[in-house]
Amino acid sequence: MHEVRPQQLADFYTWEWNHPKCKLTDAERTHFYQKECWCKRANMMVRKWVFAEPWRYMLQVKPRMITHVKMLDKALEREMQQLENRIEINKLRPTINRLVYGKSYNRWRGVENERQKNPLHHKPLYQILEAVSNDDL
């Protein structure tokens, strides 16, 4: 059995009211008044903007109907699934990524290369201090 549920107009919190995405004009803002109410979640009093005369507005329910359907090619979908299965079974994903995006990224090798480029790496502290003082980097 279908029962009619009462519908209520949404209220605005203060942060929603002042937010730039609130697209209400000044004429529309005159239809609201500020009201303080208890917020159970925050356990404190909160200010809300409420419709002054909600009886002026009638809410409408618009059906959400599917008007367009994308046609699927079952043969093409089956072939794509076969390719995905072959890639997964043979573990070809890293090879494909290396071919598409170039050399695979190895972060440990990259760190070692940076250390090799640093001339002060594995040098004693006194040599590092002398190099810094002489600017012989």
N, C-alpha and C. Protein backbone atom coordinates (compact mmCIF):
# COMPACT_ATOMS: atom_id res chain seq x y z
N MET A 1 0.83 -1.18 0.00
CA MET A 1 0.00 0.00 0.00
C MET A 1 0.88 1.25 0.00
N HIS A 2 0.55 2.19 -0.85
CA HIS A 2 1.32 3.42 -0.98
C HIS A 2 0.79 4.46 0.00
N GLU A 3 1.66 4.98 0.81
CA GLU A 3 1.24 6.01 1.75
C GLU A 3 1.98 7.31 1.44
N VAL A 4 1.31 8.38 1.63
CA VAL A 4 1.87 9.70 1.35
C VAL A 4 2.69 10.14 2.56
N ARG A 5 3.97 10.42 2.30
CA ARG A 5 4.84 10.89 3.37
C ARG A 5 4.87 12.41 3.37
N PRO A 6 4.84 13.02 4.53
CA PRO A 6 4.90 14.49 4.55
C PRO A 6 6.27 14.97 4.10
N GLN A 7 6.28 16.02 3.31
CA GLN A 7 7.52 16.60 2.82
C GLN A 7 7.76 17.93 3.50
N GLN A 8 9.01 18.17 3.82
CA GLN A 8 9.37 19.42 4.48
C GLN A 8 10.42 20.14 3.65
N LEU A 9 10.38 21.43 3.71
CA LEU A 9 11.38 22.24 3.01
C LEU A 9 12.68 22.21 3.80
N ALA A 10 13.78 22.19 3.09
CA ALA A 10 15.09 22.12 3.73
C ALA A 10 15.43 23.46 4.35
N ASP A 11 16.14 23.41 5.47
CA ASP A 11 16.63 24.61 6.15
C ASP A 11 18.10 24.80 5.80
N PHE A 12 18.55 26.03 5.91
CA PHE A 12 19.95 26.35 5.65
C PHE A 12 20.65 26.58 6.98
N TYR A 13 21.82 25.96 7.16
CA TYR A 13 22.67 26.32 8.29
C TYR A 13 23.37 27.63 7.94
N THR A 14 23.96 28.27 8.94
CA THR A 14 24.60 29.57 8.71
C THR A 14 25.75 29.46 7.72
N TRP A 15 26.53 28.37 7.82
CA TRP A 15 27.66 28.25 6.90
C TRP A 15 27.17 28.01 5.47
N GLU A 16 26.04 27.33 5.29
CA GLU A 16 25.49 27.14 3.95
C GLU A 16 24.92 28.46 3.42
N TRP A 17 24.32 29.24 4.31
CA TRP A 17 23.72 30.52 3.94
C TRP A 17 24.78 31.50 3.44
N ASN A 18 25.96 31.49 4.10
CA ASN A 18 27.02 32.43 3.74
C ASN A 18 27.97 31.88 2.68
N HIS A 19 27.82 30.64 2.28
CA HIS A 19 28.74 30.01 1.32
C HIS A 19 28.53 30.60 -0.07
N PRO A 20 29.60 30.76 -0.85
CA PRO A 20 29.45 31.32 -2.20
C PRO A 20 28.59 30.47 -3.14
N LYS A 21 28.48 29.18 -2.86
CA LYS A 21 27.67 28.31 -3.72
C LYS A 21 26.18 28.48 -3.48
N CYS A 22 25.79 29.20 -2.45
CA CYS A 22 24.38 29.47 -2.18
C CYS A 22 23.93 30.53 -3.19
N LYS A 23 23.14 30.09 -4.15
CA LYS A 23 22.78 30.95 -5.28
C LYS A 23 21.46 31.69 -5.08
N LEU A 24 21.13 32.01 -3.84
CA LEU A 24 19.88 32.72 -3.59
C LEU A 24 20.07 34.21 -3.84
N THR A 25 19.09 34.80 -4.49
CA THR A 25 19.13 36.25 -4.71
C THR A 25 18.64 36.96 -3.45
N ASP A 26 18.79 38.27 -3.43
CA ASP A 26 18.33 39.04 -2.27
C ASP A 26 16.81 38.94 -2.10
N ALA A 27 16.10 38.89 -3.21
CA ALA A 27 14.63 38.75 -3.14
C ALA A 27 14.25 37.39 -2.56
N GLU A 28 14.98 36.37 -2.91
CA GLU A 28 14.69 35.03 -2.38
C GLU A 28 15.08 34.92 -0.91
N ARG A 29 16.12 35.63 -0.51
CA ARG A 29 16.56 35.57 0.88
C ARG A 29 15.55 36.24 1.83
N THR A 30 14.70 37.09 1.30
CA THR A 30 13.70 37.75 2.16
C THR A 30 12.62 36.77 2.63
N HIS A 31 12.52 35.61 2.01
CA HIS A 31 11.51 34.62 2.38
C HIS A 31 11.96 33.74 3.56
N PHE A 32 13.14 34.04 4.13
CA PHE A 32 13.67 33.24 5.23
C PHE A 32 13.78 34.09 6.49
N TYR A 33 13.79 33.43 7.64
CA TYR A 33 14.11 34.10 8.90
C TYR A 33 15.07 33.20 9.67
N GLN A 34 15.80 33.82 10.60
CA GLN A 34 16.81 33.08 11.37
C GLN A 34 16.17 32.50 12.63
N LYS A 35 16.49 31.22 12.90
CA LYS A 35 15.91 30.54 14.03
C LYS A 35 17.00 29.74 14.73
N GLU A 36 16.98 29.76 16.08
CA GLU A 36 17.93 28.97 16.85
C GLU A 36 17.26 27.66 17.25
N CYS A 37 17.98 26.55 17.06
CA CYS A 37 17.44 25.25 17.45
C CYS A 37 18.57 24.38 17.99
N TRP A 38 18.19 23.33 18.69
CA TRP A 38 19.16 22.45 19.34
C TRP A 38 19.62 21.39 18.34
N CYS A 39 20.93 21.27 18.16
CA CYS A 39 21.52 20.27 17.28
C CYS A 39 21.99 19.11 18.14
N LYS A 40 21.40 17.92 17.92
CA LYS A 40 21.75 16.76 18.74
C LYS A 40 23.17 16.29 18.45
N ARG A 41 23.58 16.35 17.20
CA ARG A 41 24.90 15.86 16.83
C ARG A 41 26.01 16.70 17.46
N ALA A 42 25.89 18.02 17.39
CA ALA A 42 26.91 18.90 17.95
C ALA A 42 26.67 19.18 19.43
N ASN A 43 25.47 18.83 19.92
CA ASN A 43 25.10 19.04 21.33
C ASN A 43 25.22 20.52 21.72
N MET A 44 24.66 21.37 20.87
CA MET A 44 24.70 22.80 21.13
C MET A 44 23.61 23.50 20.32
N MET A 45 23.41 24.76 20.63
CA MET A 45 22.42 25.56 19.89
C MET A 45 23.03 25.99 18.55
N VAL A 46 22.23 25.87 17.50
CA VAL A 46 22.69 26.20 16.15
C VAL A 46 21.69 27.14 15.50
N ARG A 47 22.18 28.08 14.71
CA ARG A 47 21.30 28.99 13.98
C ARG A 47 21.03 28.42 12.60
N LYS A 48 19.74 28.45 12.22
CA LYS A 48 19.32 27.98 10.91
C LYS A 48 18.49 29.06 10.24
N TRP A 49 18.47 29.03 8.92
CA TRP A 49 17.60 29.90 8.15
C TRP A 49 16.44 29.06 7.67
N VAL A 50 15.21 29.46 8.05
CA VAL A 50 14.01 28.67 7.81
C VAL A 50 13.05 29.49 6.96
N PHE A 51 12.23 28.78 6.14
CA PHE A 51 11.23 29.47 5.34
C PHE A 51 10.23 30.17 6.25
N ALA A 52 9.92 31.42 5.92
CA ALA A 52 8.97 32.18 6.73
C ALA A 52 7.54 31.71 6.48
N GLU A 53 7.22 31.40 5.25
CA GLU A 53 5.86 30.98 4.90
C GLU A 53 5.94 29.72 4.03
N PRO A 54 6.11 28.55 4.64
CA PRO A 54 6.26 27.33 3.83
C PRO A 54 5.00 26.93 3.08
N TRP A 55 3.86 27.43 3.48
CA TRP A 55 2.61 27.08 2.81
C TRP A 55 2.54 27.63 1.40
N ARG A 56 3.39 28.62 1.08
CA ARG A 56 3.39 29.21 -0.26
C ARG A 56 4.01 28.27 -1.31
N TYR A 57 4.79 27.30 -0.86
CA TYR A 57 5.53 26.44 -1.78
C TYR A 57 4.92 25.04 -1.81
N MET A 58 4.79 24.50 -3.01
CA MET A 58 4.29 23.14 -3.16
C MET A 58 5.42 22.30 -3.75
N LEU A 59 5.81 21.25 -3.05
CA LEU A 59 6.88 20.39 -3.52
C LEU A 59 6.36 19.45 -4.59
N GLN A 60 7.19 19.23 -5.60
CA GLN A 60 6.82 18.35 -6.70
C GLN A 60 7.77 17.16 -6.73
N VAL A 61 7.26 16.03 -7.09
CA VAL A 61 8.06 14.83 -7.27
C VAL A 61 8.13 14.56 -8.76
N LYS A 62 9.34 14.58 -9.29
CA LYS A 62 9.54 14.30 -10.70
C LYS A 62 10.10 12.90 -10.84
N PRO A 63 9.54 12.08 -11.69
CA PRO A 63 10.05 10.73 -11.85
C PRO A 63 11.41 10.74 -12.54
N ARG A 64 12.26 9.85 -12.10
CA ARG A 64 13.57 9.69 -12.72
C ARG A 64 13.47 8.52 -13.68
N MET A 65 13.27 8.84 -14.94
CA MET A 65 13.05 7.81 -15.94
C MET A 65 14.29 7.67 -16.82
N ILE A 66 14.54 6.44 -17.23
CA ILE A 66 15.63 6.17 -18.16
C ILE A 66 15.11 6.43 -19.55
N THR A 67 15.73 7.38 -20.24
CA THR A 67 15.27 7.73 -21.58
C THR A 67 16.22 7.23 -22.65
N HIS A 68 17.50 7.02 -22.32
CA HIS A 68 18.48 6.56 -23.29
C HIS A 68 19.19 5.33 -22.74
N VAL A 69 19.42 4.37 -23.60
CA VAL A 69 20.12 3.15 -23.19
C VAL A 69 21.30 2.97 -24.13
N LYS A 70 22.47 2.73 -23.54
CA LYS A 70 23.66 2.49 -24.33
C LYS A 70 23.65 1.03 -24.79
N MET A 71 23.75 0.83 -26.07
CA MET A 71 23.74 -0.52 -26.62
C MET A 71 25.12 -1.15 -26.44
N LEU A 72 25.15 -2.40 -26.01
CA LEU A 72 26.39 -3.12 -25.80
C LEU A 72 26.56 -4.17 -26.87
N ASP A 73 27.78 -4.30 -27.35
CA ASP A 73 28.11 -5.34 -28.31
C ASP A 73 28.63 -6.54 -27.52
N LYS A 74 27.85 -7.61 -27.45
CA LYS A 74 28.21 -8.75 -26.61
C LYS A 74 29.48 -9.43 -27.09
N ALA A 75 29.68 -9.49 -28.40
CA ALA A 75 30.89 -10.13 -28.93
C ALA A 75 32.13 -9.32 -28.52
N LEU A 76 32.03 -7.99 -28.61
CA LEU A 76 33.14 -7.14 -28.22
C LEU A 76 33.41 -7.22 -26.72
N GLU A 77 32.35 -7.24 -25.91
CA GLU A 77 32.51 -7.37 -24.45
C GLU A 77 33.16 -8.70 -24.09
N ARG A 78 32.79 -9.79 -24.77
CA ARG A 78 33.36 -11.11 -24.51
C ARG A 78 34.85 -11.12 -24.86
N GLU A 79 35.21 -10.49 -25.98
CA GLU A 79 36.62 -10.44 -26.39
C GLU A 79 37.45 -9.61 -25.41
N MET A 80 36.88 -8.51 -24.95
CA MET A 80 37.60 -7.69 -23.96
C MET A 80 37.80 -8.47 -22.66
N GLN A 81 36.81 -9.23 -22.24
CA GLN A 81 36.95 -10.03 -21.02
C GLN A 81 37.99 -11.12 -21.20
N GLN A 82 38.08 -11.72 -22.37
CA GLN A 82 39.10 -12.73 -22.64
C GLN A 82 40.50 -12.12 -22.55
N LEU A 83 40.66 -10.91 -23.10
CA LEU A 83 41.96 -10.23 -23.02
C LEU A 83 42.33 -9.91 -21.57
N GLU A 84 41.36 -9.41 -20.80
CA GLU A 84 41.62 -9.12 -19.39
C GLU A 84 42.01 -10.38 -18.63
N ASN A 85 41.33 -11.48 -18.91
CA ASN A 85 41.67 -12.74 -18.24
C ASN A 85 43.08 -13.19 -18.60
N ARG A 86 43.46 -13.06 -19.86
CA ARG A 86 44.82 -13.45 -20.27
C ARG A 86 45.86 -12.57 -19.60
N ILE A 87 45.59 -11.28 -19.50
CA ILE A 87 46.53 -10.37 -18.84
C ILE A 87 46.69 -10.74 -17.38
N GLU A 88 45.58 -11.05 -16.71
CA GLU A 88 45.63 -11.39 -15.28
C GLU A 88 46.29 -12.74 -15.05
N ILE A 89 45.96 -13.75 -15.86
CA ILE A 89 46.51 -15.09 -15.65
C ILE A 89 48.00 -15.11 -15.90
N ASN A 90 48.44 -14.46 -16.97
CA ASN A 90 49.86 -14.47 -17.33
C ASN A 90 50.65 -13.35 -16.67
N LYS A 91 50.00 -12.56 -15.83
CA LYS A 91 50.64 -11.46 -15.10
C LYS A 91 51.40 -10.53 -16.04
N LEU A 92 50.68 -10.04 -17.02
CA LEU A 92 51.28 -9.17 -18.04
C LEU A 92 51.11 -7.68 -17.74
N ARG A 93 50.44 -7.32 -16.66
CA ARG A 93 50.18 -5.92 -16.36
C ARG A 93 51.47 -5.09 -16.22
N PRO A 94 52.52 -5.57 -15.47
CA PRO A 94 53.76 -4.77 -15.40
C PRO A 94 54.44 -4.59 -16.75
N THR A 95 54.39 -5.63 -17.59
CA THR A 95 55.01 -5.52 -18.91
C THR A 95 54.27 -4.49 -19.76
N ILE A 96 52.96 -4.51 -19.71
CA ILE A 96 52.17 -3.54 -20.48
C ILE A 96 52.44 -2.12 -19.97
N ASN A 97 52.49 -1.94 -18.65
CA ASN A 97 52.76 -0.61 -18.09
C ASN A 97 54.15 -0.12 -18.50
N ARG A 98 55.13 -1.04 -18.52
CA ARG A 98 56.48 -0.63 -18.91
C ARG A 98 56.51 -0.22 -20.37
N LEU A 99 55.77 -0.95 -21.24
CA LEU A 99 55.74 -0.61 -22.65
C LEU A 99 54.99 0.70 -22.91
N VAL A 100 53.92 0.92 -22.16
CA VAL A 100 53.11 2.12 -22.38
C VAL A 100 53.76 3.35 -21.75
N TYR A 101 54.21 3.23 -20.49
CA TYR A 101 54.69 4.39 -19.74
C TYR A 101 56.20 4.48 -19.67
N GLY A 102 56.94 3.57 -20.30
CA GLY A 102 58.39 3.62 -20.27
C GLY A 102 58.94 2.77 -19.14
N LYS A 103 60.19 3.03 -18.77
CA LYS A 103 60.87 2.22 -17.77
C LYS A 103 60.11 2.27 -16.45
N SER A 104 60.00 1.12 -15.80
CA SER A 104 59.28 1.07 -14.53
C SER A 104 60.05 1.86 -13.48
N TYR A 105 59.33 2.46 -12.58
CA TYR A 105 59.92 3.30 -11.55
C TYR A 105 60.40 2.42 -10.41
N ASN A 106 61.68 2.55 -10.08
CA ASN A 106 62.26 1.83 -8.95
C ASN A 106 62.75 2.87 -7.97
N ARG A 107 62.05 3.06 -6.89
CA ARG A 107 62.38 4.16 -5.99
C ARG A 107 63.72 3.94 -5.29
N TRP A 108 64.08 2.68 -5.04
CA TRP A 108 65.35 2.45 -4.35
C TRP A 108 66.52 2.79 -5.28
N ARG A 109 66.40 2.45 -6.54
CA ARG A 109 67.46 2.78 -7.49
C ARG A 109 67.57 4.29 -7.63
N GLY A 110 66.43 4.98 -7.61
CA GLY A 110 66.45 6.44 -7.72
C GLY A 110 67.15 7.09 -6.54
N VAL A 111 66.97 6.55 -5.32
CA VAL A 111 67.62 7.09 -4.14
C VAL A 111 69.12 6.88 -4.23
N GLU A 112 69.56 5.71 -4.71
CA GLU A 112 70.99 5.45 -4.84
C GLU A 112 71.62 6.39 -5.85
N ASN A 113 70.93 6.65 -6.94
CA ASN A 113 71.47 7.57 -7.94
C ASN A 113 71.65 8.96 -7.36
N GLU A 114 70.69 9.41 -6.55
CA GLU A 114 70.83 10.73 -5.92
C GLU A 114 72.02 10.75 -4.97
N ARG A 115 72.24 9.66 -4.24
CA ARG A 115 73.38 9.62 -3.33
C ARG A 115 74.69 9.62 -4.09
N GLN A 116 74.73 8.94 -5.22
CA GLN A 116 75.96 8.92 -6.00
C GLN A 116 76.26 10.29 -6.58
N LYS A 117 75.24 11.07 -6.86
CA LYS A 117 75.46 12.42 -7.39
C LYS A 117 75.98 13.37 -6.32
N ASN A 118 75.71 13.09 -5.05
CA ASN A 118 76.14 13.96 -3.96
C ASN A 118 77.61 13.69 -3.67
N PRO A 119 78.49 14.67 -3.87
CA PRO A 119 79.92 14.43 -3.64
C PRO A 119 80.26 14.28 -2.15
N LEU A 120 79.39 14.71 -1.26
CA LEU A 120 79.68 14.65 0.16
C LEU A 120 79.12 13.39 0.83
N HIS A 121 78.54 12.51 0.04
CA HIS A 121 77.98 11.29 0.61
C HIS A 121 79.10 10.37 1.09
N HIS A 122 78.97 9.81 2.28
CA HIS A 122 79.97 8.94 2.92
C HIS A 122 81.30 9.67 3.18
N LYS A 123 81.26 10.94 3.42
CA LYS A 123 82.46 11.71 3.79
C LYS A 123 82.39 12.01 5.28
N PRO A 124 83.53 12.09 5.93
CA PRO A 124 83.53 12.44 7.35
C PRO A 124 83.06 13.88 7.56
N LEU A 125 82.64 14.16 8.78
CA LEU A 125 82.06 15.45 9.10
C LEU A 125 83.02 16.60 8.86
N TYR A 126 84.32 16.42 9.19
CA TYR A 126 85.27 17.53 9.04
C TYR A 126 85.45 17.89 7.57
N GLN A 127 85.38 16.90 6.65
CA GLN A 127 85.51 17.21 5.23
C GLN A 127 84.26 17.93 4.71
N ILE A 128 83.11 17.54 5.24
CA ILE A 128 81.88 18.22 4.85
C ILE A 128 81.90 19.67 5.30
N LEU A 129 82.35 19.93 6.56
CA LEU A 129 82.42 21.28 7.07
C LEU A 129 83.42 22.13 6.32
N GLU A 130 84.58 21.52 5.93
CA GLU A 130 85.56 22.26 5.12
C GLU A 130 85.00 22.60 3.76
N ALA A 131 84.29 21.64 3.14
CA ALA A 131 83.72 21.91 1.82
C ALA A 131 82.67 23.00 1.88
N VAL A 132 81.87 23.00 2.96
CA VAL A 132 80.85 24.03 3.10
C VAL A 132 81.49 25.40 3.34
N SER A 133 82.53 25.43 4.15
CA SER A 133 83.17 26.71 4.43
C SER A 133 83.92 27.25 3.20
N ASN A 134 84.46 26.36 2.40
CA ASN A 134 85.21 26.79 1.20
C ASN A 134 84.31 26.89 -0.04
N ASP A 135 83.08 26.43 0.08
CA ASP A 135 82.13 26.39 -1.05
C ASP A 135 82.73 25.61 -2.21
N ASP A 136 83.38 24.48 -1.92
CA ASP A 136 83.97 23.63 -2.95
C ASP A 136 83.04 22.49 -3.36
N LEU A 137 81.77 22.70 -3.32
CA LEU A 137 80.84 21.63 -3.70
C LEU A 137 80.93 21.39 -5.14
